[in-house]
């Protein structure tokens, strides 16, 4: 599946996208408030264990009600939430 096809499906179903592909979180193409929510996992190491750790960190720090329309970036240093301003 292409990125475009994936995004069309996510949009059609009104779902959040959890990804390690930073292009999906590009504000120029998908600004906060124009989608159901994007959660970007940014790690120095790839792998399921590392991504699971970042998801847990995000869940510990972010109320899931706040994901709607936001771009959330979970990194080794913390979690940032960007909303439509």
PDB file of N, CA and C in Angstrom:
ATOM      1  N   UNK A   1       0.851  -1.180   0.000  1.00  0.00           N
ATOM      2  CA  UNK A   1       0.000   0.000   0.000  1.00  0.00           C
ATOM      3  C   UNK A   1       0.892   1.238   0.000  1.00  0.00           C
ATOM      4  N   UNK A   2       0.508   2.196  -0.775  1.00  0.00           N
ATOM      5  CA  UNK A   2       1.251   3.451  -0.834  1.00  0.00           C
ATOM      6  C   UNK A   2       0.894   4.332   0.365  1.00  0.00           C
ATOM      7  N   UNK A   3       1.754   5.316   0.642  1.00  0.00           N
ATOM      8  CA  UNK A   3       1.444   6.278   1.704  1.00  0.00           C
ATOM      9  C   UNK A   3       0.127   6.993   1.417  1.00  0.00           C
ATOM     10  N   UNK A   4      -0.074   7.343   0.151  1.00  0.00           N
ATOM     11  CA  UNK A   4      -1.294   8.034  -0.243  1.00  0.00           C
ATOM     12  C   UNK A   4      -2.524   7.159   0.004  1.00  0.00           C
ATOM     13  N   UNK A   5      -2.428   5.893  -0.349  1.00  0.00           N
ATOM     14  CA  UNK A   5      -3.540   4.969  -0.129  1.00  0.00           C
ATOM     15  C   UNK A   5      -3.819   4.755   1.345  1.00  0.00           C
ATOM     16  N   UNK A   6      -2.753   4.640   2.119  1.00  0.00           N
ATOM     17  CA  UNK A   6      -2.918   4.496   3.572  1.00  0.00           C
ATOM     18  C   UNK A   6      -3.614   5.719   4.148  1.00  0.00           C
ATOM     19  N   UNK A   7      -3.137   6.905   3.765  1.00  0.00           N
ATOM     20  CA  UNK A   7      -3.724   8.142   4.300  1.00  0.00           C
ATOM     21  C   UNK A   7      -5.192   8.270   3.900  1.00  0.00           C
ATOM     22  N   UNK A   8      -5.531   7.916   2.682  1.00  0.00           N
ATOM     23  CA  UNK A   8      -6.926   7.977   2.247  1.00  0.00           C
ATOM     24  C   UNK A   8      -7.798   7.072   3.110  1.00  0.00           C
ATOM     25  N   UNK A   9      -7.322   5.876   3.433  1.00  0.00           N
ATOM     26  CA  UNK A   9      -8.078   4.969   4.295  1.00  0.00           C
ATOM     27  C   UNK A   9      -8.236   5.500   5.698  1.00  0.00           C
ATOM     28  N   UNK A  10      -7.153   6.048   6.238  1.00  0.00           N
ATOM     29  CA  UNK A  10      -7.191   6.632   7.587  1.00  0.00           C
ATOM     30  C   UNK A  10      -8.205   7.774   7.623  1.00  0.00           C
ATOM     31  N   UNK A  11      -8.141   8.642   6.643  1.00  0.00           N
ATOM     32  CA  UNK A  11      -9.064   9.776   6.567  1.00  0.00           C
ATOM     33  C   UNK A  11     -10.510   9.320   6.400  1.00  0.00           C
ATOM     34  N   UNK A  12     -10.739   8.353   5.514  1.00  0.00           N
ATOM     35  CA  UNK A  12     -12.103   7.886   5.247  1.00  0.00           C
ATOM     36  C   UNK A  12     -12.739   7.285   6.494  1.00  0.00           C
ATOM     37  N   UNK A  13     -11.926   6.635   7.317  1.00  0.00           N
ATOM     38  CA  UNK A  13     -12.449   5.989   8.524  1.00  0.00           C
ATOM     39  C   UNK A  13     -12.357   6.880   9.762  1.00  0.00           C
ATOM     40  N   UNK A  14     -11.779   8.064   9.626  1.00  0.00           N
ATOM     41  CA  UNK A  14     -11.668   8.990  10.753  1.00  0.00           C
ATOM     42  C   UNK A  14     -10.815   8.442  11.886  1.00  0.00           C
ATOM     43  N   UNK A  15      -9.762   7.723  11.534  1.00  0.00           N
ATOM     44  CA  UNK A  15      -8.904   7.088  12.545  1.00  0.00           C
ATOM     45  C   UNK A  15      -7.630   7.886  12.783  1.00  0.00           C
ATOM     46  N   UNK A  16      -7.008   7.648  13.953  1.00  0.00           N
ATOM     47  CA  UNK A  16      -5.680   8.178  14.222  1.00  0.00           C
ATOM     48  C   UNK A  16      -4.684   7.369  13.422  1.00  0.00           C
ATOM     49  N   UNK A  17      -3.577   7.995  13.081  1.00  0.00           N
ATOM     50  CA  UNK A  17      -2.476   7.282  12.447  1.00  0.00           C
ATOM     51  C   UNK A  17      -1.309   7.263  13.420  1.00  0.00           C
ATOM     52  N   UNK A  18      -0.819   6.081  13.738  1.00  0.00           N
ATOM     53  CA  UNK A  18       0.381   5.922  14.556  1.00  0.00           C
ATOM     54  C   UNK A  18       1.469   5.461  13.594  1.00  0.00           C
ATOM     55  N   UNK A  19       2.567   6.229  13.519  1.00  0.00           N
ATOM     56  CA  UNK A  19       3.580   5.972  12.507  1.00  0.00           C
ATOM     57  C   UNK A  19       4.964   6.391  12.977  1.00  0.00           C
ATOM     58  N   UNK A  20       5.972   5.845  12.344  1.00  0.00           N
ATOM     59  CA  UNK A  20       7.354   6.291  12.541  1.00  0.00           C
ATOM     60  C   UNK A  20       7.824   7.085  11.326  1.00  0.00           C
ATOM     61  N   UNK A  21       6.956   7.279  10.352  1.00  0.00           N
ATOM     62  CA  UNK A  21       7.282   7.996   9.125  1.00  0.00           C
ATOM     63  C   UNK A  21       6.989   9.481   9.320  1.00  0.00           C
ATOM     64  N   UNK A  22       8.044  10.282   9.486  1.00  0.00           N
ATOM     65  CA  UNK A  22       7.848  11.695   9.823  1.00  0.00           C
ATOM     66  C   UNK A  22       7.168  12.505   8.719  1.00  0.00           C
ATOM     67  N   UNK A  23       7.145  11.994   7.505  1.00  0.00           N
ATOM     68  CA  UNK A  23       6.455  12.722   6.437  1.00  0.00           C
ATOM     69  C   UNK A  23       4.957  12.848   6.711  1.00  0.00           C
ATOM     70  N   UNK A  24       4.367  11.890   7.418  1.00  0.00           N
ATOM     71  CA  UNK A  24       2.943  11.979   7.735  1.00  0.00           C
ATOM     72  C   UNK A  24       2.645  13.122   8.708  1.00  0.00           C
ATOM     73  N   UNK A  25       3.622  13.513   9.499  1.00  0.00           N
ATOM     74  CA  UNK A  25       3.409  14.574  10.487  1.00  0.00           C
ATOM     75  C   UNK A  25       3.870  15.933   9.981  1.00  0.00           C
ATOM     76  N   UNK A  26       4.099  16.071   8.687  1.00  0.00           N
ATOM     77  CA  UNK A  26       4.528  17.337   8.100  1.00  0.00           C
ATOM     78  C   UNK A  26       3.364  18.324   8.144  1.00  0.00           C
ATOM     79  N   UNK A  27       3.524  19.379   8.929  1.00  0.00           N
ATOM     80  CA  UNK A  27       2.447  20.361   9.129  1.00  0.00           C
ATOM     81  C   UNK A  27       2.035  21.053   7.838  1.00  0.00           C
ATOM     82  N   UNK A  28       2.931  21.123   6.874  1.00  0.00           N
ATOM     83  CA  UNK A  28       2.596  21.787   5.612  1.00  0.00           C
ATOM     84  C   UNK A  28       1.550  20.996   4.833  1.00  0.00           C
ATOM     85  N   UNK A  29       1.559  19.677   4.988  1.00  0.00           N
ATOM     86  CA  UNK A  29       0.632  18.824   4.252  1.00  0.00           C
ATOM     87  C   UNK A  29      -0.552  18.352   5.094  1.00  0.00           C
ATOM     88  N   UNK A  30      -0.339  18.217   6.391  1.00  0.00           N
ATOM     89  CA  UNK A  30      -1.394  17.724   7.287  1.00  0.00           C
ATOM     90  C   UNK A  30      -1.393  18.548   8.578  1.00  0.00           C
ATOM     91  N   UNK A  31      -1.824  19.793   8.502  1.00  0.00           N
ATOM     92  CA  UNK A  31      -1.791  20.641   9.697  1.00  0.00           C
ATOM     93  C   UNK A  31      -2.742  20.130  10.779  1.00  0.00           C
ATOM     94  N   UNK A  32      -2.401  20.384  12.045  1.00  0.00           N
ATOM     95  CA  UNK A  32      -3.307  20.001  13.131  1.00  0.00           C
ATOM     96  C   UNK A  32      -4.703  20.564  12.884  1.00  0.00           C
ATOM     97  N   UNK A  33      -5.698  19.779  13.229  1.00  0.00           N
ATOM     98  CA  UNK A  33      -7.086  20.193  13.073  1.00  0.00           C
ATOM     99  C   UNK A  33      -7.707  19.774  11.754  1.00  0.00           C
ATOM    100  N   UNK A  34      -6.907  19.203  10.845  1.00  0.00           N
ATOM    101  CA  UNK A  34      -7.442  18.812   9.540  1.00  0.00           C
ATOM    102  C   UNK A  34      -7.595  17.299   9.407  1.00  0.00           C
ATOM    103  N   UNK A  35      -7.401  16.576  10.500  1.00  0.00           N
ATOM    104  CA  UNK A  35      -7.458  15.105  10.484  1.00  0.00           C
ATOM    105  C   UNK A  35      -7.818  14.623  11.884  1.00  0.00           C
ATOM    106  N   UNK A  36      -8.011  13.332  12.030  1.00  0.00           N
ATOM    107  CA  UNK A  36      -8.418  12.767  13.326  1.00  0.00           C
ATOM    108  C   UNK A  36      -7.281  12.757  14.342  1.00  0.00           C
ATOM    109  N   UNK A  37      -6.040  12.737  13.886  1.00  0.00           N
ATOM    110  CA  UNK A  37      -4.884  12.758  14.780  1.00  0.00           C
ATOM    111  C   UNK A  37      -3.751  11.905  14.233  1.00  0.00           C
ATOM    112  N   UNK A  38      -2.527  12.399  14.455  1.00  0.00           N
ATOM    113  CA  UNK A  38      -1.331  11.674  14.037  1.00  0.00           C
ATOM    114  C   UNK A  38      -0.422  11.539  15.248  1.00  0.00           C
ATOM    115  N   UNK A  39       0.042  10.325  15.495  1.00  0.00           N
ATOM    116  CA  UNK A  39       0.997  10.062  16.567  1.00  0.00           C
ATOM    117  C   UNK A  39       2.272   9.590  15.891  1.00  0.00           C
ATOM    118  N   UNK A  40       3.320  10.399  16.007  1.00  0.00           N
ATOM    119  CA  UNK A  40       4.602  10.108  15.386  1.00  0.00           C
ATOM    120  C   UNK A  40       5.574   9.583  16.432  1.00  0.00           C
ATOM    121  N   UNK A  41       6.128   8.420  16.184  1.00  0.00           N
ATOM    122  CA  UNK A  41       7.097   7.801  17.085  1.00  0.00           C
ATOM    123  C   UNK A  41       8.489   8.048  16.518  1.00  0.00           C
ATOM    124  N   UNK A  42       9.314   8.806  17.246  1.00  0.00           N
ATOM    125  CA  UNK A  42      10.666   9.143  16.797  1.00  0.00           C
ATOM    126  C   UNK A  42      11.669   8.537  17.754  1.00  0.00           C
ATOM    127  N   UNK A  43      12.415   7.577  17.275  1.00  0.00           N
ATOM    128  CA  UNK A  43      13.393   6.899  18.113  1.00  0.00           C
ATOM    129  C   UNK A  43      14.724   6.804  17.386  1.00  0.00           C
ATOM    130  N   UNK A  44      15.793   6.758  18.147  1.00  0.00           N
ATOM    131  CA  UNK A  44      17.117   6.561  17.556  1.00  0.00           C
ATOM    132  C   UNK A  44      17.305   5.119  17.099  1.00  0.00           C
ATOM    133  N   UNK A  45      16.513   4.210  17.666  1.00  0.00           N
ATOM    134  CA  UNK A  45      16.591   2.797  17.299  1.00  0.00           C
ATOM    135  C   UNK A  45      15.227   2.344  16.800  1.00  0.00           C
ATOM    136  N   UNK A  46      15.238   1.527  15.760  1.00  0.00           N
ATOM    137  CA  UNK A  46      13.989   0.963  15.270  1.00  0.00           C
ATOM    138  C   UNK A  46      13.756  -0.380  15.927  1.00  0.00           C
ATOM    139  N   UNK A  47      12.492  -0.735  16.069  1.00  0.00           N
ATOM    140  CA  UNK A  47      12.141  -2.041  16.609  1.00  0.00           C
ATOM    141  C   UNK A  47      10.868  -1.964  17.420  1.00  0.00           C
ATOM    142  N   UNK A  48      10.185  -3.077  17.494  1.00  0.00           N
ATOM    143  CA  UNK A  48       8.899  -3.113  18.189  1.00  0.00           C
ATOM    144  C   UNK A  48       9.022  -2.727  19.655  1.00  0.00           C
ATOM    145  N   UNK A  49      10.048  -3.199  20.335  1.00  0.00           N
ATOM    146  CA  UNK A  49      10.206  -2.863  21.756  1.00  0.00           C
ATOM    147  C   UNK A  49      10.368  -1.365  21.956  1.00  0.00           C
ATOM    148  N   UNK A  50      11.150  -0.737  21.102  1.00  0.00           N
ATOM    149  CA  UNK A  50      11.371   0.702  21.209  1.00  0.00           C
ATOM    150  C   UNK A  50      10.094   1.477  20.903  1.00  0.00           C
ATOM    151  N   UNK A  51       9.378   1.075  19.868  1.00  0.00           N
ATOM    152  CA  UNK A  51       8.125   1.750  19.545  1.00  0.00           C
ATOM    153  C   UNK A  51       7.082   1.535  20.634  1.00  0.00           C
ATOM    154  N   UNK A  52       7.036   0.354  21.208  1.00  0.00           N
ATOM    155  CA  UNK A  52       6.098   0.087  22.313  1.00  0.00           C
ATOM    156  C   UNK A  52       6.423   0.977  23.514  1.00  0.00           C
ATOM    157  N   UNK A  53       7.706   1.189  23.782  1.00  0.00           N
ATOM    158  CA  UNK A  53       8.113   2.060  24.890  1.00  0.00           C
ATOM    159  C   UNK A  53       7.661   3.500  24.630  1.00  0.00           C
ATOM    160  N   UNK A  54       7.792   3.966  23.388  1.00  0.00           N
ATOM    161  CA  UNK A  54       7.364   5.323  23.073  1.00  0.00           C
ATOM    162  C   UNK A  54       5.845   5.472  23.148  1.00  0.00           C
ATOM    163  N   UNK A  55       5.121   4.457  22.703  1.00  0.00           N
ATOM    164  CA  UNK A  55       3.658   4.493  22.823  1.00  0.00           C
ATOM    165  C   UNK A  55       3.266   4.552  24.290  1.00  0.00           C
ATOM    166  N   UNK A  56       3.904   3.761  25.134  1.00  0.00           N
ATOM    167  CA  UNK A  56       3.594   3.784  26.566  1.00  0.00           C
ATOM    168  C   UNK A  56       3.898   5.151  27.162  1.00  0.00           C
ATOM    169  N   UNK A  57       5.002   5.738  26.768  1.00  0.00           N
ATOM    170  CA  UNK A  57       5.347   7.079  27.256  1.00  0.00           C
ATOM    171  C   UNK A  57       4.258   8.073  26.861  1.00  0.00           C
ATOM    172  N   UNK A  58       3.811   7.999  25.609  1.00  0.00           N
ATOM    173  CA  UNK A  58       2.764   8.898  25.136  1.00  0.00           C
ATOM    174  C   UNK A  58       1.478   8.680  25.931  1.00  0.00           C
ATOM    175  N   UNK A  59       1.114   7.418  26.162  1.00  0.00           N
ATOM    176  CA  UNK A  59      -0.105   7.119  26.916  1.00  0.00           C
ATOM    177  C   UNK A  59      -0.017   7.619  28.353  1.00  0.00           C
ATOM    178  N   UNK A  60       1.173   7.606  28.925  1.00  0.00           N
ATOM    179  CA  UNK A  60       1.373   8.098  30.294  1.00  0.00           C
ATOM    180  C   UNK A  60       1.242   9.612  30.385  1.00  0.00           C
ATOM    181  N   UNK A  61       1.521  10.303  29.282  1.00  0.00           N
ATOM    182  CA  UNK A  61       1.590  11.762  29.327  1.00  0.00           C
ATOM    183  C   UNK A  61       0.436  12.485  28.646  1.00  0.00           C
ATOM    184  N   UNK A  62      -0.325  11.790  27.802  1.00  0.00           N
ATOM    185  CA  UNK A  62      -1.363  12.459  27.004  1.00  0.00           C
ATOM    186  C   UNK A  62      -2.719  11.824  27.271  1.00  0.00           C
ATOM    187  N   UNK A  63      -3.711  12.659  27.515  1.00  0.00           N
ATOM    188  CA  UNK A  63      -5.088  12.203  27.625  1.00  0.00           C
ATOM    189  C   UNK A  63      -5.567  11.872  26.211  1.00  0.00           C
ATOM    190  N   UNK A  64      -6.070  10.675  25.997  1.00  0.00           N
ATOM    191  CA  UNK A  64      -6.465  10.265  24.647  1.00  0.00           C
ATOM    192  C   UNK A  64      -7.553  11.155  24.054  1.00  0.00           C
ATOM    193  N   UNK A  65      -8.323  11.829  24.883  1.00  0.00           N
ATOM    194  CA  UNK A  65      -9.316  12.778  24.372  1.00  0.00           C
ATOM    195  C   UNK A  65      -8.638  13.955  23.671  1.00  0.00           C
ATOM    196  N   UNK A  66      -7.356  14.194  23.977  1.00  0.00           N
ATOM    197  CA  UNK A  66      -6.623  15.311  23.390  1.00  0.00           C
ATOM    198  C   UNK A  66      -5.974  14.965  22.054  1.00  0.00           C
ATOM    199  N   UNK A  67      -6.089  13.714  21.611  1.00  0.00           N
ATOM    200  CA  UNK A  67      -5.461  13.301  20.359  1.00  0.00           C
ATOM    201  C   UNK A  67      -6.229  13.835  19.153  1.00  0.00           C
ATOM    202  N   UNK A  68      -7.520  14.000  19.280  1.00  0.00           N
ATOM    203  CA  UNK A  68      -8.361  14.411  18.144  1.00  0.00           C
ATOM    204  C   UNK A  68      -7.812  15.665  17.476  1.00  0.00           C
ATOM    205  N   UNK A  69      -7.434  15.533  16.220  1.00  0.00           N
ATOM    206  CA  UNK A  69      -6.958  16.659  15.437  1.00  0.00           C
ATOM    207  C   UNK A  69      -5.532  17.087  15.714  1.00  0.00           C
ATOM    208  N   UNK A  70      -4.861  16.459  16.656  1.00  0.00           N
ATOM    209  CA  UNK A  70      -3.514  16.873  17.039  1.00  0.00           C
ATOM    210  C   UNK A  70      -2.445  16.076  16.299  1.00  0.00           C
ATOM    211  N   UNK A  71      -1.244  16.639  16.299  1.00  0.00           N
ATOM    212  CA  UNK A  71      -0.056  15.904  15.885  1.00  0.00           C
ATOM    213  C   UNK A  71       0.768  15.731  17.155  1.00  0.00           C
ATOM    214  N   UNK A  72       0.974  14.481  17.535  1.00  0.00           N
ATOM    215  CA  UNK A  72       1.710  14.163  18.756  1.00  0.00           C
ATOM    216  C   UNK A  72       3.016  13.498  18.351  1.00  0.00           C
ATOM    217  N   UNK A  73       4.113  13.980  18.920  1.00  0.00           N
ATOM    218  CA  UNK A  73       5.428  13.420  18.629  1.00  0.00           C
ATOM    219  C   UNK A  73       6.000  12.871  19.925  1.00  0.00           C
ATOM    220  N   UNK A  74       6.244  11.562  19.946  1.00  0.00           N
ATOM    221  CA  UNK A  74       6.834  10.899  21.114  1.00  0.00           C
ATOM    222  C   UNK A  74       8.285  10.574  20.782  1.00  0.00           C
ATOM    223  N   UNK A  75       9.213  11.079  21.600  1.00  0.00           N
ATOM    224  CA  UNK A  75      10.636  10.859  21.401  1.00  0.00           C
ATOM    225  C   UNK A  75      11.259  10.350  22.695  1.00  0.00           C
ATOM    226  N   UNK A  76      12.543  10.077  22.620  1.00  0.00           N
ATOM    227  CA  UNK A  76      13.272   9.671  23.817  1.00  0.00           C
ATOM    228  C   UNK A  76      13.303  10.786  24.852  1.00  0.00           C
ATOM    229  N   UNK A  77      13.182  12.028  24.410  1.00  0.00           N
ATOM    230  CA  UNK A  77      13.247  13.170  25.323  1.00  0.00           C
ATOM    231  C   UNK A  77      11.901  13.592  25.879  1.00  0.00           C
ATOM    232  N   UNK A  78      10.808  13.124  25.299  1.00  0.00           N
ATOM    233  CA  UNK A  78       9.501  13.523  25.803  1.00  0.00           C
ATOM    234  C   UNK A  78       8.432  13.450  24.738  1.00  0.00           C
ATOM    235  N   UNK A  79       7.277  14.058  25.074  1.00  0.00           N
ATOM    236  CA  UNK A  79       6.120  14.033  24.187  1.00  0.00           C
ATOM    237  C   UNK A  79       5.701  15.471  23.923  1.00  0.00           C
ATOM    238  N   UNK A  80       5.509  15.795  22.644  1.00  0.00           N
ATOM    239  CA  UNK A  80       5.016  17.125  22.265  1.00  0.00           C
ATOM    240  C   UNK A  80       3.665  16.965  21.600  1.00  0.00           C
ATOM    241  N   UNK A  81       2.756  17.866  21.914  1.00  0.00           N
ATOM    242  CA  UNK A  81       1.413  17.847  21.323  1.00  0.00           C
ATOM    243  C   UNK A  81       1.225  19.170  20.593  1.00  0.00           C
ATOM    244  N   UNK A  82       0.903  19.087  19.315  1.00  0.00           N
ATOM    245  CA  UNK A  82       0.654  20.282  18.509  1.00  0.00           C
ATOM    246  C   UNK A  82      -0.806  20.247  18.078  1.00  0.00           C
ATOM    247  N   UNK A  83      -1.538  21.286  18.444  1.00  0.00           N
ATOM    248  CA  UNK A  83      -2.958  21.397  18.088  1.00  0.00           C
ATOM    249  C   UNK A  83      -3.157  22.579  17.160  1.00  0.00           C
ATOM    250  N   UNK A  84      -4.313  22.630  16.556  1.00  0.00           N
ATOM    251  CA  UNK A  84      -4.686  23.762  15.729  1.00  0.00           C
ATOM    252  C   UNK A  84      -4.761  24.998  16.609  1.00  0.00           C
ATOM    253  N   UNK A  85      -4.089  26.061  16.191  1.00  0.00           N
ATOM    254  CA  UNK A  85      -4.106  27.270  17.026  1.00  0.00           C
ATOM    255  C   UNK A  85      -5.005  28.340  16.503  1.00  0.00           C
TER     256      UNK A  85
END
